[in-house]
Amino acid sequence: MTLIIKLLLVYLIIMNVYVFFLMRIDKRRATKDRRHRIPEKKLLGLSLIGGALGGVMAMRMFRHKTKHTAFALGMPLMLVLHVALVCSLIRYVM
């Protein structure tokens, strides 16, 4: 496995764990006091740059943002895009 692939995998793991926990925190805040919520733009932006898997997992696990079209459609589409890009990169590098 090349260094580029290893770095990409580490980056994706970090981003997905980060987005997963941000979604968990936002869900907890949504059910308690509704103050200091995490903006949707931040959640979607971080998902776009690599955290879509964590976002989709959090949506399903915590039932959070599932009725918002941008999340219900956008997150899975981002995930498909990420998988396609990673597969293309692995094919290109190897």
PDB file of N, CA and C in Angstrom:
ATOM      1  N   MET A   1       0.851  -1.175   0.000  1.00  0.00           N
ATOM      2  CA  MET A   1       0.000   0.000   0.000  1.00  0.00           C
ATOM      3  C   MET A   1       0.894   1.235   0.000  1.00  0.00           C
ATOM      4  N   THR A   2       0.610   2.149  -0.872  1.00  0.00           N
ATOM      5  CA  THR A   2       1.457   3.327  -0.982  1.00  0.00           C
ATOM      6  C   THR A   2       1.163   4.328   0.131  1.00  0.00           C
ATOM      7  N   LEU A   3       2.092   5.236   0.290  1.00  0.00           N
ATOM      8  CA  LEU A   3       1.961   6.267   1.322  1.00  0.00           C
ATOM      9  C   LEU A   3       0.720   7.132   1.089  1.00  0.00           C
ATOM     10  N   ILE A   4       0.419   7.435  -0.152  1.00  0.00           N
ATOM     11  CA  ILE A   4      -0.744   8.273  -0.470  1.00  0.00           C
ATOM     12  C   ILE A   4      -2.029   7.597   0.001  1.00  0.00           C
ATOM     13  N   ILE A   5      -2.143   6.315  -0.255  1.00  0.00           N
ATOM     14  CA  ILE A   5      -3.343   5.578   0.153  1.00  0.00           C
ATOM     15  C   ILE A   5      -3.442   5.519   1.670  1.00  0.00           C
ATOM     16  N   LYS A   6      -2.321   5.292   2.336  1.00  0.00           N
ATOM     17  CA  LYS A   6      -2.326   5.244   3.802  1.00  0.00           C
ATOM     18  C   LYS A   6      -2.750   6.576   4.397  1.00  0.00           C
ATOM     19  N   LEU A   7      -2.202   7.659   3.866  1.00  0.00           N
ATOM     20  CA  LEU A   7      -2.569   8.993   4.363  1.00  0.00           C
ATOM     21  C   LEU A   7      -4.042   9.294   4.104  1.00  0.00           C
ATOM     22  N   LEU A   8      -4.530   8.901   2.941  1.00  0.00           N
ATOM     23  CA  LEU A   8      -5.938   9.115   2.621  1.00  0.00           C
ATOM     24  C   LEU A   8      -6.833   8.345   3.582  1.00  0.00           C
ATOM     25  N   LEU A   9      -6.481   7.115   3.868  1.00  0.00           N
ATOM     26  CA  LEU A   9      -7.276   6.313   4.796  1.00  0.00           C
ATOM     27  C   LEU A   9      -7.275   6.895   6.204  1.00  0.00           C
ATOM     28  N   VAL A  10      -6.136   7.362   6.665  1.00  0.00           N
ATOM     29  CA  VAL A  10      -6.057   8.002   7.985  1.00  0.00           C
ATOM     30  C   VAL A  10      -6.923   9.260   8.010  1.00  0.00           C
ATOM     31  N   TYR A  11      -6.840  10.066   6.959  1.00  0.00           N
ATOM     32  CA  TYR A  11      -7.645  11.282   6.860  1.00  0.00           C
ATOM     33  C   TYR A  11      -9.138  10.945   6.909  1.00  0.00           C
ATOM     34  N   LEU A  12      -9.554   9.949   6.121  1.00  0.00           N
ATOM     35  CA  LEU A  12     -10.967   9.585   6.080  1.00  0.00           C
ATOM     36  C   LEU A  12     -11.455   9.036   7.419  1.00  0.00           C
ATOM     37  N   ILE A  13     -10.641   8.258   8.073  1.00  0.00           N
ATOM     38  CA  ILE A  13     -11.025   7.736   9.390  1.00  0.00           C
ATOM     39  C   ILE A  13     -11.227   8.884  10.370  1.00  0.00           C
ATOM     40  N   ILE A  14     -10.292   9.814  10.405  1.00  0.00           N
ATOM     41  CA  ILE A  14     -10.390  10.964  11.320  1.00  0.00           C
ATOM     42  C   ILE A  14     -11.629  11.796  11.013  1.00  0.00           C
ATOM     43  N   MET A  15     -11.858  12.098   9.738  1.00  0.00           N
ATOM     44  CA  MET A  15     -13.009  12.930   9.357  1.00  0.00           C
ATOM     45  C   MET A  15     -14.323  12.247   9.701  1.00  0.00           C
ATOM     46  N   ASN A  16     -14.411  10.954   9.442  1.00  0.00           N
ATOM     47  CA  ASN A  16     -15.660  10.246   9.704  1.00  0.00           C
ATOM     48  C   ASN A  16     -15.954  10.124  11.193  1.00  0.00           C
ATOM     49  N   VAL A  17     -14.951   9.874  11.981  1.00  0.00           N
ATOM     50  CA  VAL A  17     -15.145   9.821  13.436  1.00  0.00           C
ATOM     51  C   VAL A  17     -15.559  11.201  13.947  1.00  0.00           C
ATOM     52  N   TYR A  18     -14.921  12.245  13.437  1.00  0.00           N
ATOM     53  CA  TYR A  18     -15.225  13.616  13.852  1.00  0.00           C
ATOM     54  C   TYR A  18     -16.679  13.979  13.518  1.00  0.00           C
ATOM     55  N   VAL A  19     -17.110  13.714  12.292  1.00  0.00           N
ATOM     56  CA  VAL A  19     -18.481  14.034  11.892  1.00  0.00           C
ATOM     57  C   VAL A  19     -19.486  13.203  12.689  1.00  0.00           C
ATOM     58  N   PHE A  20     -19.171  11.934  12.912  1.00  0.00           N
ATOM     59  CA  PHE A  20     -20.045  11.074  13.705  1.00  0.00           C
ATOM     60  C   PHE A  20     -20.282  11.680  15.087  1.00  0.00           C
ATOM     61  N   PHE A  21     -19.218  12.100  15.744  1.00  0.00           N
ATOM     62  CA  PHE A  21     -19.372  12.662  17.086  1.00  0.00           C
ATOM     63  C   PHE A  21     -20.015  14.044  17.065  1.00  0.00           C
ATOM     64  N   LEU A  22     -19.779  14.836  16.019  1.00  0.00           N
ATOM     65  CA  LEU A  22     -20.472  16.125  15.913  1.00  0.00           C
ATOM     66  C   LEU A  22     -21.979  15.916  15.769  1.00  0.00           C
ATOM     67  N   MET A  23     -22.367  14.931  14.980  1.00  0.00           N
ATOM     68  CA  MET A  23     -23.794  14.640  14.828  1.00  0.00           C
ATOM     69  C   MET A  23     -24.381  14.160  16.158  1.00  0.00           C
ATOM     70  N   ARG A  24     -23.638  13.361  16.889  1.00  0.00           N
ATOM     71  CA  ARG A  24     -24.098  12.884  18.201  1.00  0.00           C
ATOM     72  C   ARG A  24     -24.285  14.056  19.162  1.00  0.00           C
ATOM     73  N   ILE A  25     -23.310  14.955  19.183  1.00  0.00           N
ATOM     74  CA  ILE A  25     -23.383  16.127  20.056  1.00  0.00           C
ATOM     75  C   ILE A  25     -24.582  16.989  19.677  1.00  0.00           C
ATOM     76  N   ASP A  26     -24.775  17.211  18.366  1.00  0.00           N
ATOM     77  CA  ASP A  26     -25.890  18.037  17.915  1.00  0.00           C
ATOM     78  C   ASP A  26     -27.226  17.409  18.268  1.00  0.00           C
ATOM     79  N   LYS A  27     -27.343  16.106  18.151  1.00  0.00           N
ATOM     80  CA  LYS A  27     -28.591  15.425  18.524  1.00  0.00           C
ATOM     81  C   LYS A  27     -28.863  15.589  20.013  1.00  0.00           C
ATOM     82  N   ARG A  28     -27.845  15.434  20.805  1.00  0.00           N
ATOM     83  CA  ARG A  28     -28.007  15.578  22.255  1.00  0.00           C
ATOM     84  C   ARG A  28     -28.442  17.008  22.595  1.00  0.00           C
ATOM     85  N   ARG A  29     -27.815  17.981  21.944  1.00  0.00           N
ATOM     86  CA  ARG A  29     -28.198  19.375  22.191  1.00  0.00           C
ATOM     87  C   ARG A  29     -29.612  19.651  21.704  1.00  0.00           C
ATOM     88  N   ALA A  30     -30.008  19.018  20.621  1.00  0.00           N
ATOM     89  CA  ALA A  30     -31.353  19.229  20.075  1.00  0.00           C
ATOM     90  C   ALA A  30     -32.425  18.719  21.027  1.00  0.00           C
ATOM     91  N   THR A  31     -32.147  17.653  21.724  1.00  0.00           N
ATOM     92  CA  THR A  31     -33.153  17.088  22.622  1.00  0.00           C
ATOM     93  C   THR A  31     -33.155  17.741  23.993  1.00  0.00           C
ATOM     94  N   LYS A  32     -32.089  18.428  24.342  1.00  0.00           N
ATOM     95  CA  LYS A  32     -32.014  19.024  25.680  1.00  0.00           C
ATOM     96  C   LYS A  32     -32.452  20.486  25.693  1.00  0.00           C
ATOM     97  N   ASP A  33     -31.628  21.370  25.167  1.00  0.00           N
ATOM     98  CA  ASP A  33     -31.947  22.790  25.364  1.00  0.00           C
ATOM     99  C   ASP A  33     -31.955  23.644  24.096  1.00  0.00           C
ATOM    100  N   ARG A  34     -31.580  23.060  22.970  1.00  0.00           N
ATOM    101  CA  ARG A  34     -31.590  23.759  21.680  1.00  0.00           C
ATOM    102  C   ARG A  34     -30.639  24.959  21.615  1.00  0.00           C
ATOM    103  N   ARG A  35     -29.727  25.091  22.549  1.00  0.00           N
ATOM    104  CA  ARG A  35     -28.749  26.176  22.476  1.00  0.00           C
ATOM    105  C   ARG A  35     -27.422  25.623  22.006  1.00  0.00           C
ATOM    106  N   HIS A  36     -26.672  26.455  21.345  1.00  0.00           N
ATOM    107  CA  HIS A  36     -25.332  26.107  20.889  1.00  0.00           C
ATOM    108  C   HIS A  36     -25.326  24.879  19.980  1.00  0.00           C
ATOM    109  N   ARG A  37     -26.285  24.859  19.062  1.00  0.00           N
ATOM    110  CA  ARG A  37     -26.359  23.763  18.096  1.00  0.00           C
ATOM    111  C   ARG A  37     -25.247  23.911  17.072  1.00  0.00           C
ATOM    112  N   ILE A  38     -24.881  22.835  16.443  1.00  0.00           N
ATOM    113  CA  ILE A  38     -23.867  22.838  15.398  1.00  0.00           C
ATOM    114  C   ILE A  38     -24.574  23.180  14.088  1.00  0.00           C
ATOM    115  N   PRO A  39     -24.105  24.211  13.379  1.00  0.00           N
ATOM    116  CA  PRO A  39     -24.788  24.625  12.144  1.00  0.00           C
ATOM    117  C   PRO A  39     -24.820  23.506  11.100  1.00  0.00           C
ATOM    118  N   GLU A  40     -25.935  23.445  10.376  1.00  0.00           N
ATOM    119  CA  GLU A  40     -26.078  22.443   9.326  1.00  0.00           C
ATOM    120  C   GLU A  40     -25.004  22.589   8.259  1.00  0.00           C
ATOM    121  N   LYS A  41     -24.629  23.829   7.948  1.00  0.00           N
ATOM    122  CA  LYS A  41     -23.581  24.064   6.942  1.00  0.00           C
ATOM    123  C   LYS A  41     -22.264  23.408   7.356  1.00  0.00           C
ATOM    124  N   LYS A  42     -21.970  23.457   8.639  1.00  0.00           N
ATOM    125  CA  LYS A  42     -20.737  22.843   9.127  1.00  0.00           C
ATOM    126  C   LYS A  42     -20.812  21.323   8.994  1.00  0.00           C
ATOM    127  N   LEU A  43     -21.930  20.743   9.392  1.00  0.00           N
ATOM    128  CA  LEU A  43     -22.089  19.294   9.299  1.00  0.00           C
ATOM    129  C   LEU A  43     -22.011  18.823   7.844  1.00  0.00           C
ATOM    130  N   LEU A  44     -22.703  19.526   6.960  1.00  0.00           N
ATOM    131  CA  LEU A  44     -22.673  19.148   5.549  1.00  0.00           C
ATOM    132  C   LEU A  44     -21.306  19.398   4.920  1.00  0.00           C
ATOM    133  N   GLY A  45     -20.686  20.502   5.280  1.00  0.00           N
ATOM    134  CA  GLY A  45     -19.359  20.811   4.726  1.00  0.00           C
ATOM    135  C   GLY A  45     -18.309  19.794   5.125  1.00  0.00           C
ATOM    136  N   LEU A  46     -18.305  19.417   6.395  1.00  0.00           N
ATOM    137  CA  LEU A  46     -17.352  18.414   6.858  1.00  0.00           C
ATOM    138  C   LEU A  46     -17.649  17.042   6.251  1.00  0.00           C
ATOM    139  N   SER A  47     -18.906  16.775   6.017  1.00  0.00           N
ATOM    140  CA  SER A  47     -19.268  15.520   5.354  1.00  0.00           C
ATOM    141  C   SER A  47     -18.789  15.516   3.914  1.00  0.00           C
ATOM    142  N   LEU A  48     -18.895  16.659   3.266  1.00  0.00           N
ATOM    143  CA  LEU A  48     -18.466  16.768   1.873  1.00  0.00           C
ATOM    144  C   LEU A  48     -16.966  16.537   1.715  1.00  0.00           C
ATOM    145  N   ILE A  49     -16.179  16.991   2.677  1.00  0.00           N
ATOM    146  CA  ILE A  49     -14.728  16.848   2.537  1.00  0.00           C
ATOM    147  C   ILE A  49     -14.188  15.568   3.160  1.00  0.00           C
ATOM    148  N   GLY A  50     -15.074  14.583   3.355  1.00  0.00           N
ATOM    149  CA  GLY A  50     -14.571  13.285   3.764  1.00  0.00           C
ATOM    150  C   GLY A  50     -15.311  12.584   4.880  1.00  0.00           C
ATOM    151  N   GLY A  51     -16.308  13.220   5.488  1.00  0.00           N
ATOM    152  CA  GLY A  51     -16.955  12.615   6.635  1.00  0.00           C
ATOM    153  C   GLY A  51     -18.349  12.073   6.385  1.00  0.00           C
ATOM    154  N   ALA A  52     -18.676  11.767   5.145  1.00  0.00           N
ATOM    155  CA  ALA A  52     -20.035  11.338   4.815  1.00  0.00           C
ATOM    156  C   ALA A  52     -20.409  10.007   5.466  1.00  0.00           C
ATOM    157  N   LEU A  53     -19.487   9.067   5.528  1.00  0.00           N
ATOM    158  CA  LEU A  53     -19.797   7.776   6.144  1.00  0.00           C
ATOM    159  C   LEU A  53     -20.162   7.958   7.618  1.00  0.00           C
ATOM    160  N   GLY A  54     -19.388   8.755   8.331  1.00  0.00           N
ATOM    161  CA  GLY A  54     -19.694   9.037   9.731  1.00  0.00           C
ATOM    162  C   GLY A  54     -21.030   9.735   9.885  1.00  0.00           C
ATOM    163  N   GLY A  55     -21.336  10.636   8.950  1.00  0.00           N
ATOM    164  CA  GLY A  55     -22.615  11.331   8.993  1.00  0.00           C
ATOM    165  C   GLY A  55     -23.793  10.406   8.749  1.00  0.00           C
ATOM    166  N   VAL A  56     -23.657   9.537   7.761  1.00  0.00           N
ATOM    167  CA  VAL A  56     -24.738   8.585   7.462  1.00  0.00           C
ATOM    168  C   VAL A  56     -24.930   7.634   8.633  1.00  0.00           C
ATOM    169  N   MET A  57     -23.844   7.141   9.191  1.00  0.00           N
ATOM    170  CA  MET A  57     -23.956   6.233  10.337  1.00  0.00           C
ATOM    171  C   MET A  57     -24.634   6.920  11.521  1.00  0.00           C
ATOM    172  N   ALA A  58     -24.264   8.164  11.784  1.00  0.00           N
ATOM    173  CA  ALA A  58     -24.863   8.914  12.893  1.00  0.00           C
ATOM    174  C   ALA A  58     -26.340   9.201  12.635  1.00  0.00           C
ATOM    175  N   MET A  59     -26.679   9.521  11.387  1.00  0.00           N
ATOM    176  CA  MET A  59     -28.080   9.765  11.054  1.00  0.00           C
ATOM    177  C   MET A  59     -28.929   8.542  11.374  1.00  0.00           C
ATOM    178  N   ARG A  60     -28.437   7.392  11.012  1.00  0.00           N
ATOM    179  CA  ARG A  60     -29.183   6.151  11.242  1.00  0.00           C
ATOM    180  C   ARG A  60     -29.196   5.761  12.723  1.00  0.00           C
ATOM    181  N   MET A  61     -28.053   5.865  13.353  1.00  0.00           N
ATOM    182  CA  MET A  61     -27.931   5.422  14.735  1.00  0.00           C
ATOM    183  C   MET A  61     -28.693   6.321  15.711  1.00  0.00           C
ATOM    184  N   PHE A  62     -28.612   7.639  15.501  1.00  0.00           N
ATOM    185  CA  PHE A  62     -29.221   8.588  16.435  1.00  0.00           C
ATOM    186  C   PHE A  62     -30.543   9.164  15.925  1.00  0.00           C
ATOM    187  N   ARG A  63     -30.966   8.747  14.731  1.00  0.00           N
ATOM    188  CA  ARG A  63     -32.174   9.280  14.087  1.00  0.00           C
ATOM    189  C   ARG A  63     -32.155  10.799  14.080  1.00  0.00           C
ATOM    190  N   HIS A  64     -31.057  11.333  13.565  1.00  0.00           N
ATOM    191  CA  HIS A  64     -30.847  12.775  13.573  1.00  0.00           C
ATOM    192  C   HIS A  64     -30.741  13.304  12.152  1.00  0.00           C
ATOM    193  N   LYS A  65     -31.483  14.352  11.851  1.00  0.00           N
ATOM    194  CA  LYS A  65     -31.498  15.037  10.566  1.00  0.00           C
ATOM    195  C   LYS A  65     -32.038  14.166   9.439  1.00  0.00           C
ATOM    196  N   THR A  66     -32.786  13.147   9.768  1.00  0.00           N
ATOM    197  CA  THR A  66     -33.271  12.225   8.747  1.00  0.00           C
ATOM    198  C   THR A  66     -34.410  12.806   7.909  1.00  0.00           C
ATOM    199  N   LYS A  67     -35.078  13.826   8.399  1.00  0.00           N
ATOM    200  CA  LYS A  67     -36.173  14.440   7.648  1.00  0.00           C
ATOM    201  C   LYS A  67     -35.725  15.650   6.843  1.00  0.00           C
ATOM    202  N   HIS A  68     -34.482  16.045   7.000  1.00  0.00           N
ATOM    203  CA  HIS A  68     -33.944  17.168   6.242  1.00  0.00           C
ATOM    204  C   HIS A  68     -33.447  16.635   4.900  1.00  0.00           C
ATOM    205  N   THR A  69     -33.982  17.158   3.818  1.00  0.00           N
ATOM    206  CA  THR A  69     -33.646  16.667   2.483  1.00  0.00           C
ATOM    207  C   THR A  69     -32.155  16.751   2.205  1.00  0.00           C
ATOM    208  N   ALA A  70     -31.535  17.844   2.620  1.00  0.00           N
ATOM    209  CA  ALA A  70     -30.096  18.012   2.371  1.00  0.00           C
ATOM    210  C   ALA A  70     -29.289  16.893   3.021  1.00  0.00           C
ATOM    211  N   PHE A  71     -29.762  16.405   4.125  1.00  0.00           N
ATOM    212  CA  PHE A  71     -29.059  15.316   4.815  1.00  0.00           C
ATOM    213  C   PHE A  71     -29.518  13.956   4.297  1.00  0.00           C
ATOM    214  N   ALA A  72     -30.824  13.763   4.171  1.00  0.00           N
ATOM    215  CA  ALA A  72     -31.368  12.462   3.776  1.00  0.00           C
ATOM    216  C   ALA A  72     -30.913  12.055   2.377  1.00  0.00           C
ATOM    217  N   LEU A  73     -30.775  13.006   1.485  1.00  0.00           N
ATOM    218  CA  LEU A  73     -30.298  12.710   0.130  1.00  0.00           C
ATOM    219  C   LEU A  73     -28.824  13.041  -0.054  1.00  0.00           C
ATOM    220  N   GLY A  74     -28.417  14.148   0.535  1.00  0.00           N
ATOM    221  CA  GLY A  74     -27.053  14.628   0.329  1.00  0.00           C
ATOM    222  C   GLY A  74     -25.972  13.745   0.916  1.00  0.00           C
ATOM    223  N   MET A  75     -26.170  13.292   2.144  1.00  0.00           N
ATOM    224  CA  MET A  75     -25.148  12.464   2.797  1.00  0.00           C
ATOM    225  C   MET A  75     -24.902  11.156   2.044  1.00  0.00           C
ATOM    226  N   PRO A  76     -25.945  10.404   1.697  1.00  0.00           N
ATOM    227  CA  PRO A  76     -25.682   9.176   0.941  1.00  0.00           C
ATOM    228  C   PRO A  76     -25.036   9.440  -0.425  1.00  0.00           C
ATOM    229  N   LEU A  77     -25.436  10.530  -1.080  1.00  0.00           N
ATOM    230  CA  LEU A  77     -24.803  10.867  -2.362  1.00  0.00           C
ATOM    231  C   LEU A  77     -23.326  11.212  -2.183  1.00  0.00           C
ATOM    232  N   MET A  78     -23.013  11.943  -1.125  1.00  0.00           N
ATOM    233  CA  MET A  78     -21.612  12.249  -0.834  1.00  0.00           C
ATOM    234  C   MET A  78     -20.829  10.967  -0.560  1.00  0.00           C
ATOM    235  N   LEU A  79     -21.453  10.049   0.159  1.00  0.00           N
ATOM    236  CA  LEU A  79     -20.791   8.786   0.467  1.00  0.00           C
ATOM    237  C   LEU A  79     -20.484   8.000  -0.805  1.00  0.00           C
ATOM    238  N   VAL A  80     -21.439   7.950  -1.717  1.00  0.00           N
ATOM    239  CA  VAL A  80     -21.211   7.268  -2.998  1.00  0.00           C
ATOM    240  C   VAL A  80     -20.074   7.947  -3.756  1.00  0.00           C
ATOM    241  N   LEU A  81     -20.063   9.273  -3.746  1.00  0.00           N
ATOM    242  CA  LEU A  81     -18.991  10.027  -4.399  1.00  0.00           C
ATOM    243  C   LEU A  81     -17.638   9.707  -3.773  1.00  0.00           C
ATOM    244  N   HIS A  82     -17.578   9.656  -2.458  1.00  0.00           N
ATOM    245  CA  HIS A  82     -16.319   9.354  -1.771  1.00  0.00           C
ATOM    246  C   HIS A  82     -15.822   7.955  -2.109  1.00  0.00           C
ATOM    247  N   VAL A  83     -16.717   7.001  -2.120  1.00  0.00           N
ATOM    248  CA  VAL A  83     -16.327   5.623  -2.453  1.00  0.00           C
ATOM    249  C   VAL A  83     -15.793   5.563  -3.878  1.00  0.00           C
ATOM    250  N   ALA A  84     -16.474   6.224  -4.797  1.00  0.00           N
ATOM    251  CA  ALA A  84     -16.030   6.237  -6.194  1.00  0.00           C
ATOM    252  C   ALA A  84     -14.653   6.901  -6.329  1.00  0.00           C
ATOM    253  N   LEU A  85     -14.446   8.008  -5.622  1.00  0.00           N
ATOM    254  CA  LEU A  85     -13.156   8.696  -5.700  1.00  0.00           C
ATOM    255  C   LEU A  85     -12.024   7.862  -5.108  1.00  0.00           C
ATOM    256  N   VAL A  86     -12.288   7.229  -3.981  1.00  0.00           N
ATOM    257  CA  VAL A  86     -11.264   6.399  -3.346  1.00  0.00           C
ATOM    258  C   VAL A  86     -10.933   5.204  -4.237  1.00  0.00           C
ATOM    259  N   CYS A  87     -11.954   4.568  -4.798  1.00  0.00           N
ATOM    260  CA  CYS A  87     -11.708   3.433  -5.698  1.00  0.00           C
ATOM    261  C   CYS A  87     -10.908   3.866  -6.927  1.00  0.00           C
ATOM    262  N   SER A  88     -11.249   5.019  -7.468  1.00  0.00           N
ATOM    263  CA  SER A  88     -10.511   5.535  -8.618  1.00  0.00           C
ATOM    264  C   SER A  88      -9.066   5.832  -8.265  1.00  0.00           C
ATOM    265  N   LEU A  89      -8.857   6.416  -7.101  1.00  0.00           N
ATOM    266  CA  LEU A  89      -7.501   6.741  -6.682  1.00  0.00           C
ATOM    267  C   LEU A  89      -6.682   5.470  -6.444  1.00  0.00           C
ATOM    268  N   ILE A  90      -7.281   4.489  -5.807  1.00  0.00           N
ATOM    269  CA  ILE A  90      -6.571   3.228  -5.560  1.00  0.00           C
ATOM    270  C   ILE A  90      -6.229   2.558  -6.888  1.00  0.00           C
ATOM    271  N   ARG A  91      -7.165   2.553  -7.809  1.00  0.00           N
ATOM    272  CA  ARG A  91      -6.917   1.962  -9.128  1.00  0.00           C
ATOM    273  C   ARG A  91      -5.799   2.708  -9.857  1.00  0.00           C
ATOM    274  N   TYR A  92      -5.805   4.042  -9.756  1.00  0.00           N
ATOM    275  CA  TYR A  92      -4.799   4.864 -10.434  1.00  0.00           C
ATOM    276  C   TYR A  92      -3.406   4.668  -9.832  1.00  0.00           C
ATOM    277  N   VAL A  93      -3.334   4.639  -8.493  1.00  0.00           N
ATOM    278  CA  VAL A  93      -2.040   4.537  -7.814  1.00  0.00           C
ATOM    279  C   VAL A  93      -1.453   3.143  -7.963  1.00  0.00           C
ATOM    280  N   MET A  94      -2.275   2.134  -7.922  1.00  0.00           N
ATOM    281  CA  MET A  94      -1.767   0.774  -7.987  1.00  0.00           C
ATOM    282  C   MET A  94      -1.776   0.340  -9.424  1.00  0.00           C
TER     283      MET A  94
END
